[in-house]
C-alpha cells in the first residue's frame, strides 16, 4: 500500500513539474521582447496583469528598463535558452524513467550545452549590473549569482558522474541542477499568487518574500526526487555513518542559536521583517520535520543508506542558519551592504548552499565506498553490501 501511494504521489509530482515547465517555456522565451521593442507582446506580463493588475506589472517593468537595456543581448540569450531548458527537462526526466538511453544521452548533451550558454548570458548580465540595480536590490543579485554557480557546478558534476559510471550520483546532480533552474518558473508563480495573500505590495517586495524560501524549496524537491528514484537499502562499500548520533545532536543547538538570532533581527524590522521571517521559517520548519521523520523511519526499517542521506541533509539544514549569519557578516564587511540587506541575502542563500554541500557529501560517501571496494584484495570474498538488493530507477 505504501509503495502504491508513493508511486501515485510520484506521478502527480512528475505531471505537475512537466506542466509547469511547458507552461513557463513560452513565458521565458518572450519575457524580454518588450525591453527590445516597447509594446511587443510578452505572455508572462499578459498573465500577471490579469492575475494581479496592469499597474503591478507596469511598475515592475519600469524599474528594469535601465539595467536590462545595458545587457539586453546576453539576457535574451539567457531567457530564450532558459525556455528551451524547460522543454528539455521533461524529456530528460521521462527518458530516464522509461530507460530510453539513446534519447537520454543525446538530450543530455544538448541540455548541458544549453545550460552553459544560458548561464554565460546570465553571468554577463550580473557582471554589468551593480548589486543595487538588480530587481529587488542587492539581495536578489546575490541570490541570482548563487543560483548561477550552483546550476553550473551541478551540471558539471552530473557530467563527471556519468563519465565515471556513477548513475546514482549523476541522477542526484542533474536533479539538483534542474531544481536550481526551476527557481525561475516558481518565482513567476509566486509573483502571481503572493499578491492575493499580501495585497498592496509591489512586485519588488513580493520578490523579496519569495527568495526567502525558493532555495530551500527547490533543493528539497530535488532530494525527494532522488530518494524516490533510489530504492537501495544499502550501497556497496558504504559502511557506518559520517553523521553519528553525537554529530546529529550537536548540530541542533548550534543551528537553533543562529536561528534565534535571525528571528530576533528580522522581528525588529517591523512588519516587513516579520513578513520575510515567516516566508523563511515556514518552509524551513516543514522541511526540517520531513527530514527528521524520514531519517528516523529509515533507521527503523534498516535502510542504512536512506538514513545516511536523510541525516546528511538534516544536519546541513540544521546548520544552514549558522552559514547564513556568517555570510551576512561577510556581505556586510566585504560588499559594504547594510545589516538588513546583508542578513536577508545570507538567509536567502543559506538553505540552498547547504543542500548543495550535503549532496557533495553524499557523492563523496559513494565514491569513498567505491574506492574501498576497488582496493579490497582479490579473493577476499564478496562484501555483504554487494549481496543486498540494489535498485536505482
Protein backbone atom coordinates (compact mmCIF):
# COMPACT_ATOMS: atom_id res chain seq x y z
CA UNK A 1 0.00 0.00 0.00
CA UNK A 2 2.80 2.44 0.88
CA UNK A 3 4.57 1.60 -2.37
CA UNK A 4 1.40 2.29 -4.38
CA UNK A 5 0.90 5.56 -2.52
CA UNK A 6 4.50 6.61 -3.26
CA UNK A 7 4.07 5.75 -6.94
CA UNK A 8 0.87 7.80 -7.09
CA UNK A 9 2.49 10.81 -5.46
CA UNK A 10 5.49 10.43 -7.75
CA UNK A 11 3.30 10.54 -10.83
CA UNK A 12 1.42 13.57 -9.55
CA UNK A 13 4.70 15.38 -8.87
CA UNK A 14 6.09 14.43 -12.29
CA UNK A 15 2.96 15.65 -14.07
CA UNK A 16 2.98 18.90 -12.06
CA UNK A 17 6.64 19.58 -12.94
CA UNK A 18 6.07 18.82 -16.64
CA UNK A 19 3.00 21.07 -16.80
CA UNK A 20 4.85 23.91 -15.03
CA UNK A 21 7.84 23.58 -17.37
CA UNK A 22 5.73 23.51 -20.53
CA UNK A 23 3.68 26.46 -19.30
CA UNK A 24 6.73 28.52 -18.42
CA UNK A 25 8.69 27.89 -21.63
CA UNK A 26 6.79 30.45 -23.77
CA UNK A 27 6.87 32.93 -20.88
CA UNK A 28 10.66 32.70 -20.65
CA UNK A 29 11.16 32.96 -24.40
CA UNK A 30 9.02 36.10 -24.77
CA UNK A 31 9.77 37.82 -21.45
CA UNK A 32 12.32 40.28 -22.84
CA UNK A 33 10.55 41.24 -26.07
CA UNK A 34 9.07 44.46 -24.59
CA UNK A 35 12.53 45.60 -23.49
CA UNK A 36 13.85 45.23 -27.06
CA UNK A 37 10.72 46.60 -28.75
CA UNK A 38 8.37 48.62 -26.50
CA UNK A 39 4.82 47.41 -26.85
CA UNK A 40 5.82 43.94 -28.06
CA UNK A 41 3.68 41.16 -26.57
CA UNK A 42 5.01 39.19 -23.61
CA UNK A 43 2.93 36.25 -22.48
CA UNK A 44 4.13 36.38 -18.87
CA UNK A 45 3.31 40.05 -18.44
CA UNK A 46 -0.12 39.47 -20.01
CA UNK A 47 -0.88 36.70 -17.49
CA UNK A 48 0.38 38.68 -14.50
CA UNK A 49 -1.56 41.80 -15.47
CA UNK A 50 -4.79 39.80 -15.43
CA UNK A 51 -3.90 37.76 -12.34
CA UNK A 52 -2.96 40.83 -10.28
CA UNK A 53 -3.24 44.21 -12.03
CA UNK A 54 -1.74 46.10 -15.01
CA UNK A 55 -0.19 48.65 -12.62
CA UNK A 56 1.56 45.89 -10.68
CA UNK A 57 3.27 44.75 -13.89
CA UNK A 58 3.93 48.23 -15.31
CA UNK A 59 5.71 49.42 -12.16
CA UNK A 60 7.98 46.36 -12.14
CA UNK A 61 8.68 46.76 -15.87
CA UNK A 62 9.73 50.37 -15.38
CA UNK A 63 12.33 49.51 -12.73
CA UNK A 64 14.14 47.10 -15.07
CA UNK A 65 14.36 49.10 -18.30
CA UNK A 66 17.77 50.63 -17.49
CA UNK A 67 19.64 47.58 -16.11
CA UNK A 68 18.19 45.24 -18.74
CA UNK A 69 18.96 47.68 -21.56
CA UNK A 70 22.69 47.56 -20.78
CA UNK A 71 22.79 43.77 -21.17
CA UNK A 72 19.86 43.02 -23.47
CA UNK A 73 21.59 40.62 -25.89
CA UNK A 74 23.06 38.29 -23.22
CA UNK A 75 19.75 38.43 -21.34
CA UNK A 76 17.82 37.44 -24.46
CA UNK A 77 20.21 34.51 -24.94
CA UNK A 78 19.73 33.53 -21.30
CA UNK A 79 15.95 33.84 -21.43
CA UNK A 80 15.34 32.06 -24.74
CA UNK A 81 17.66 29.19 -23.84
CA UNK A 82 16.07 29.08 -20.38
CA UNK A 83 12.76 28.41 -22.11
CA UNK A 84 14.42 25.65 -24.13
CA UNK A 85 15.72 24.10 -20.90
CA UNK A 86 12.15 23.99 -19.61
CA UNK A 87 11.32 21.80 -22.64
CA UNK A 88 14.44 19.66 -22.42
CA UNK A 89 13.93 18.97 -18.71
CA UNK A 90 10.80 16.81 -19.11
CA UNK A 91 12.50 14.97 -22.00
CA UNK A 92 15.42 14.14 -19.72
CA UNK A 93 13.17 13.14 -16.83
CA UNK A 94 10.81 10.94 -18.82
CA UNK A 95 13.55 9.33 -20.93
CA UNK A 96 15.42 8.38 -17.73
CA UNK A 97 12.31 6.95 -16.09
CA UNK A 98 11.39 4.99 -19.22
CA UNK A 99 15.02 3.93 -19.79
CA UNK A 100 15.32 5.40 -23.30
CA UNK A 101 19.10 5.53 -23.04
CA UNK A 102 19.99 6.83 -26.51
CA UNK A 103 17.43 9.62 -26.33
CA UNK A 104 18.52 10.41 -22.78
CA UNK A 105 22.18 10.74 -23.77
CA UNK A 106 21.56 12.89 -26.84
CA UNK A 107 19.13 15.14 -24.99
CA UNK A 108 21.55 15.26 -22.07
CA UNK A 109 24.37 16.62 -24.23
CA UNK A 110 22.05 19.28 -25.66
CA UNK A 111 20.78 20.07 -22.16
CA UNK A 112 24.28 20.53 -20.70
CA UNK A 113 25.47 22.75 -23.55
CA UNK A 114 22.31 24.83 -23.27
CA UNK A 115 22.84 25.26 -19.52
CA UNK A 116 26.39 26.53 -20.05
CA UNK A 117 25.44 29.04 -22.76
CA UNK A 118 22.33 30.22 -20.91
CA UNK A 119 24.26 30.71 -17.68
CA UNK A 120 27.00 32.56 -19.57
CA UNK A 121 24.36 35.08 -20.65
CA UNK A 122 23.22 35.48 -17.05
CA UNK A 123 26.84 35.91 -15.92
CA UNK A 124 27.37 38.75 -18.38
CA UNK A 125 24.24 40.49 -17.10
CA UNK A 126 25.35 40.17 -13.46
CA UNK A 127 28.86 41.39 -14.28
CA UNK A 128 27.43 44.51 -15.94
CA UNK A 129 24.86 45.24 -13.24
CA UNK A 130 25.59 46.87 -9.90
CA UNK A 131 24.21 44.95 -6.93
CA UNK A 132 21.77 47.74 -6.02
CA UNK A 133 20.43 47.90 -9.62
CA UNK A 134 19.21 44.30 -9.68
CA UNK A 135 15.46 43.74 -9.50
CA UNK A 136 14.73 43.81 -5.78
CA UNK A 137 18.19 45.13 -4.93
CA UNK A 138 21.47 43.63 -3.75
CA UNK A 139 19.85 40.61 -2.10
CA UNK A 140 18.41 39.42 -5.39
CA UNK A 141 21.75 39.94 -7.19
CA UNK A 142 23.46 37.70 -4.64
CA UNK A 143 20.70 35.09 -4.93
CA UNK A 144 20.96 35.08 -8.74
CA UNK A 145 24.74 34.71 -8.59
CA UNK A 146 24.44 31.82 -6.13
CA UNK A 147 21.87 30.03 -8.30
CA UNK A 148 24.09 30.53 -11.35
CA UNK A 149 27.12 28.97 -9.63
CA UNK A 150 25.02 26.14 -8.21
CA UNK A 151 23.50 25.37 -11.62
CA UNK A 152 26.83 25.31 -13.45
CA UNK A 153 28.55 23.20 -10.79
CA UNK A 154 25.63 20.77 -10.57
CA UNK A 155 25.51 20.07 -14.30
CA UNK A 156 29.32 19.76 -14.36
CA UNK A 157 29.35 17.26 -11.50
CA UNK A 158 26.48 15.43 -13.19
CA UNK A 159 28.54 15.07 -16.36
CA UNK A 160 31.59 13.87 -14.41
CA UNK A 161 29.44 11.31 -12.59
CA UNK A 162 28.08 9.99 -15.89
CA UNK A 163 31.60 9.72 -17.35
CA UNK A 164 32.71 7.96 -14.15
CA UNK A 165 29.82 5.49 -14.47
CA UNK A 166 28.13 6.58 -11.29
CA UNK A 167 24.49 6.71 -12.38
CA UNK A 168 23.15 7.30 -8.88
CA UNK A 169 25.31 10.41 -8.44
CA UNK A 170 24.63 11.56 -12.00
CA UNK A 171 20.94 11.35 -11.18
CA UNK A 172 21.30 13.39 -7.99
CA UNK A 173 23.36 16.16 -9.55
CA UNK A 174 21.11 16.55 -12.57
CA UNK A 175 18.02 16.69 -10.37
CA UNK A 176 19.69 19.36 -8.25
CA UNK A 177 20.66 21.27 -11.40
CA UNK A 178 17.10 21.20 -12.62
CA UNK A 179 15.92 22.21 -9.16
CA UNK A 180 18.02 25.37 -9.43
CA UNK A 181 16.59 26.02 -12.90
CA UNK A 182 13.07 25.62 -11.51
CA UNK A 183 13.57 28.72 -9.36
CA UNK A 184 12.65 30.78 -12.45
CA UNK A 185 9.13 29.39 -13.07
CA UNK A 186 8.42 29.08 -9.35
CA UNK A 187 9.37 32.72 -8.80
CA UNK A 188 6.98 33.81 -11.55
CA UNK A 189 4.29 31.64 -10.00
CA UNK A 190 4.79 33.38 -6.66
CA UNK A 191 4.62 36.78 -8.37
CA UNK A 192 1.08 35.86 -9.33
CA UNK A 193 -0.02 34.07 -6.16
CA UNK A 194 1.53 36.02 -3.27
CA UNK A 195 -0.27 39.32 -4.07
CA UNK A 196 -3.51 37.54 -3.11
CA UNK A 197 -2.01 36.77 0.31
CA UNK A 198 -0.11 40.05 0.64
CA UNK A 199 -2.29 42.62 -1.17
CA UNK A 200 -0.92 46.05 -1.98
CA UNK A 201 2.76 45.08 -2.17
CA UNK A 202 4.72 45.93 -5.35
CA UNK A 203 6.43 43.14 -7.24
CA UNK A 204 9.82 44.17 -5.85
CA UNK A 205 8.59 43.40 -2.31
CA UNK A 206 6.87 40.19 -3.44
CA UNK A 207 10.20 39.21 -4.97
CA UNK A 208 11.97 39.72 -1.64
CA UNK A 209 9.44 37.49 0.11
CA UNK A 210 9.72 34.72 -2.50
CA UNK A 211 13.51 34.47 -2.46
CA UNK A 212 13.48 33.85 1.30
CA UNK A 213 12.49 30.24 0.63
CA UNK A 214 12.96 29.39 -3.06
CA UNK A 215 16.41 27.86 -2.49
CA UNK A 216 15.05 25.67 0.29
CA UNK A 217 12.03 24.56 -1.73
CA UNK A 218 13.83 23.55 -4.94
CA UNK A 219 16.69 21.72 -3.24
CA UNK A 220 14.22 19.86 -1.02
CA UNK A 221 12.27 18.87 -4.11
CA UNK A 222 15.44 17.56 -5.73
CA UNK A 223 16.19 15.50 -2.62
CA UNK A 224 12.69 14.00 -2.55
CA UNK A 225 13.01 13.05 -6.22
CA UNK A 226 16.45 11.50 -5.64
CA UNK A 227 15.23 9.43 -2.73
CA UNK A 228 12.12 8.32 -4.64
CA UNK A 229 14.25 7.03 -7.52
CA UNK A 230 16.88 5.35 -5.34
CA UNK A 231 15.30 2.34 -3.64
CA UNK A 232 18.54 0.74 -2.42
CA UNK A 233 18.70 -0.24 1.22
CA UNK A 234 22.50 -0.28 1.21
CA UNK A 235 25.26 0.94 -1.10
CA UNK A 236 28.33 -1.20 -1.90
CA UNK A 237 31.31 -0.18 0.22
CA UNK A 238 29.36 2.29 2.34
CA UNK A 239 29.52 1.23 5.96
CA UNK A 240 28.86 3.10 9.18
CA UNK A 241 27.89 6.74 9.13
CA UNK A 242 29.55 10.08 8.63
CA UNK A 243 26.77 11.54 10.77
CA UNK A 244 26.89 9.60 14.06
CA UNK A 245 24.34 10.47 16.70
CA UNK A 246 26.62 12.92 18.62
CA UNK A 247 27.18 14.95 15.44
CA UNK A 248 23.47 14.95 14.71
CA UNK A 249 22.69 16.10 18.24
CA UNK A 250 25.37 18.79 18.45
CA UNK A 251 24.29 20.36 15.15
CA UNK A 252 20.85 21.18 16.56
CA UNK A 253 21.74 23.74 19.30
CA UNK A 254 24.23 25.48 17.00
CA UNK A 255 21.59 25.89 14.33
CA UNK A 256 18.93 26.83 16.88
CA UNK A 257 21.10 29.60 18.32
CA UNK A 258 21.71 31.08 14.87
CA UNK A 259 18.03 30.73 14.00
CA UNK A 260 17.09 32.59 17.18
CA UNK A 261 19.49 35.40 16.25
CA UNK A 262 17.96 35.62 12.77
CA UNK A 263 14.44 35.64 14.23
CA UNK A 264 15.22 38.45 16.68
CA UNK A 265 16.86 40.50 13.94
CA UNK A 266 14.01 40.15 11.47
CA UNK A 267 11.41 40.73 14.16
CA UNK A 268 12.99 44.06 14.99
CA UNK A 269 12.41 45.32 11.45
CA UNK A 270 8.68 45.69 11.95
CA UNK A 271 6.02 44.37 9.55
CA UNK A 272 8.47 43.99 6.67
CA UNK A 273 10.88 41.89 8.74
CA UNK A 274 8.13 39.68 10.15
CA UNK A 275 6.85 39.08 6.61
CA UNK A 276 10.28 37.97 5.44
CA UNK A 277 10.80 35.87 8.56
CA UNK A 278 7.59 33.90 8.05
CA UNK A 279 8.46 33.35 4.39
CA UNK A 280 11.71 31.77 5.58
CA UNK A 281 10.61 29.94 8.74
CA UNK A 282 7.51 28.11 7.49
CA UNK A 283 9.24 26.20 4.62
CA UNK A 284 12.30 25.70 6.85
CA UNK A 285 10.23 24.10 9.62
CA UNK A 286 8.28 21.87 7.23
CA UNK A 287 11.45 20.67 5.51
CA UNK A 288 13.16 20.04 8.84
CA UNK A 289 10.20 17.98 10.10
CA UNK A 290 10.14 15.81 6.97
CA UNK A 291 13.90 15.15 7.11
CA UNK A 292 13.75 14.31 10.81
CA UNK A 293 10.90 11.83 10.38
CA UNK A 294 12.32 10.26 7.22
CA UNK A 295 15.75 9.55 8.71
CA UNK A 296 14.10 8.05 11.80
CA UNK A 297 11.81 5.83 9.73
CA UNK A 298 14.68 4.71 7.51
CA UNK A 299 16.67 3.73 10.58
CA UNK A 300 13.78 1.70 12.00
CA UNK A 301 13.34 -0.06 8.65
CA UNK A 302 17.05 -0.96 8.49
CA UNK A 303 17.61 1.11 5.33
CA UNK A 304 21.05 2.40 6.29
CA UNK A 305 21.74 4.21 3.02
CA UNK A 306 18.44 6.09 3.07
CA UNK A 307 19.02 7.06 6.71
CA UNK A 308 22.53 8.28 5.89
CA UNK A 309 21.35 10.52 3.06
CA UNK A 310 18.43 11.92 5.08
CA UNK A 311 20.80 12.57 8.00
CA UNK A 312 23.37 14.37 5.89
CA UNK A 313 20.69 16.72 4.59
CA UNK A 314 19.16 17.09 8.06
CA UNK A 315 22.47 18.23 9.55
CA UNK A 316 23.06 20.55 6.59
CA UNK A 317 19.65 22.15 7.07
CA UNK A 318 20.16 22.44 10.83
CA UNK A 319 23.39 24.40 10.41
CA UNK A 320 22.13 26.47 7.45
CA UNK A 321 21.24 29.38 9.80
CA UNK A 322 24.85 29.35 11.07
CA UNK A 323 26.06 29.71 7.49
CA UNK A 324 23.52 32.48 6.86
CA UNK A 325 24.74 34.50 9.86
CA UNK A 326 28.37 34.08 8.79
CA UNK A 327 27.56 35.01 5.18
CA UNK A 328 25.73 38.13 6.40
CA UNK A 329 28.84 39.30 8.22
CA UNK A 330 30.92 38.71 5.10
CA UNK A 331 28.49 40.58 2.84
CA UNK A 332 28.34 43.49 5.26
CA UNK A 333 32.09 43.86 5.55
CA UNK A 334 33.28 42.94 2.06
CA UNK A 335 30.42 44.25 -0.09
CA UNK A 336 29.53 47.28 2.03
CA UNK A 337 25.89 46.24 2.43
CA UNK A 338 23.77 47.48 5.31
CA UNK A 339 22.97 44.97 8.05
CA UNK A 340 19.40 44.27 6.87
CA UNK A 341 20.34 43.63 3.26
CA UNK A 342 23.33 41.50 4.24
CA UNK A 343 21.29 39.30 6.58
CA UNK A 344 18.45 38.97 4.06
CA UNK A 345 20.95 37.81 1.44
CA UNK A 346 22.59 35.35 3.83
CA UNK A 347 19.24 33.88 4.82
CA UNK A 348 18.06 33.69 1.19
CA UNK A 349 21.01 31.56 0.06
CA UNK A 350 21.70 29.55 3.25
CA UNK A 351 19.48 26.51 2.71
CA UNK A 352 20.37 26.16 -0.97
CA UNK A 353 24.12 26.34 -0.37
CA UNK A 354 23.99 23.81 2.48
CA UNK A 355 21.80 21.44 0.44
CA UNK A 356 24.46 21.61 -2.28
CA UNK A 357 27.08 20.80 0.37
CA UNK A 358 25.01 17.83 1.58
CA UNK A 359 24.75 16.48 -1.97
CA UNK A 360 28.52 16.81 -2.23
CA UNK A 361 28.92 14.77 0.97
CA UNK A 362 26.57 12.11 -0.40
CA UNK A 363 28.72 11.91 -3.53
CA UNK A 364 31.92 11.62 -1.52
CA UNK A 365 30.37 8.83 0.55
CA UNK A 366 29.54 6.82 -2.57
CA UNK A 367 32.93 7.42 -4.21
CA UNK A 368 34.78 6.57 -0.99
CA UNK A 369 32.84 3.32 -0.74
CA UNK A 370 33.65 2.52 -4.34
CA UNK A 371 37.35 3.14 -3.70
CA UNK A 372 37.30 0.84 -0.66
CA UNK A 373 35.88 -1.96 -2.80
CA UNK A 374 38.45 -1.33 -5.53
CA UNK A 375 41.30 -1.64 -3.03
CA UNK A 376 39.93 -4.79 -1.46
CA UNK A 377 42.31 -7.72 -2.12
CA UNK A 378 41.11 -10.16 -4.77
CA UNK A 379 39.65 -13.33 -3.35
CA UNK A 380 38.61 -11.61 -0.13
CA UNK A 381 35.06 -12.64 -0.77
CA UNK A 382 32.01 -10.75 -1.81
CA UNK A 383 31.24 -7.92 0.64
CA UNK A 384 27.98 -8.13 2.48
CA UNK A 385 26.97 -4.82 0.88
CA UNK A 386 27.04 -6.36 -2.59
CA UNK A 387 24.66 -9.14 -1.58
CA UNK A 388 21.78 -6.81 -0.77
CA UNK A 389 19.23 -5.66 -3.30
CA UNK A 390 20.47 -2.62 -5.16
CA UNK A 391 17.95 -0.87 -7.38
CA UNK A 392 18.11 2.55 -8.99
CA UNK A 393 15.23 3.60 -11.21
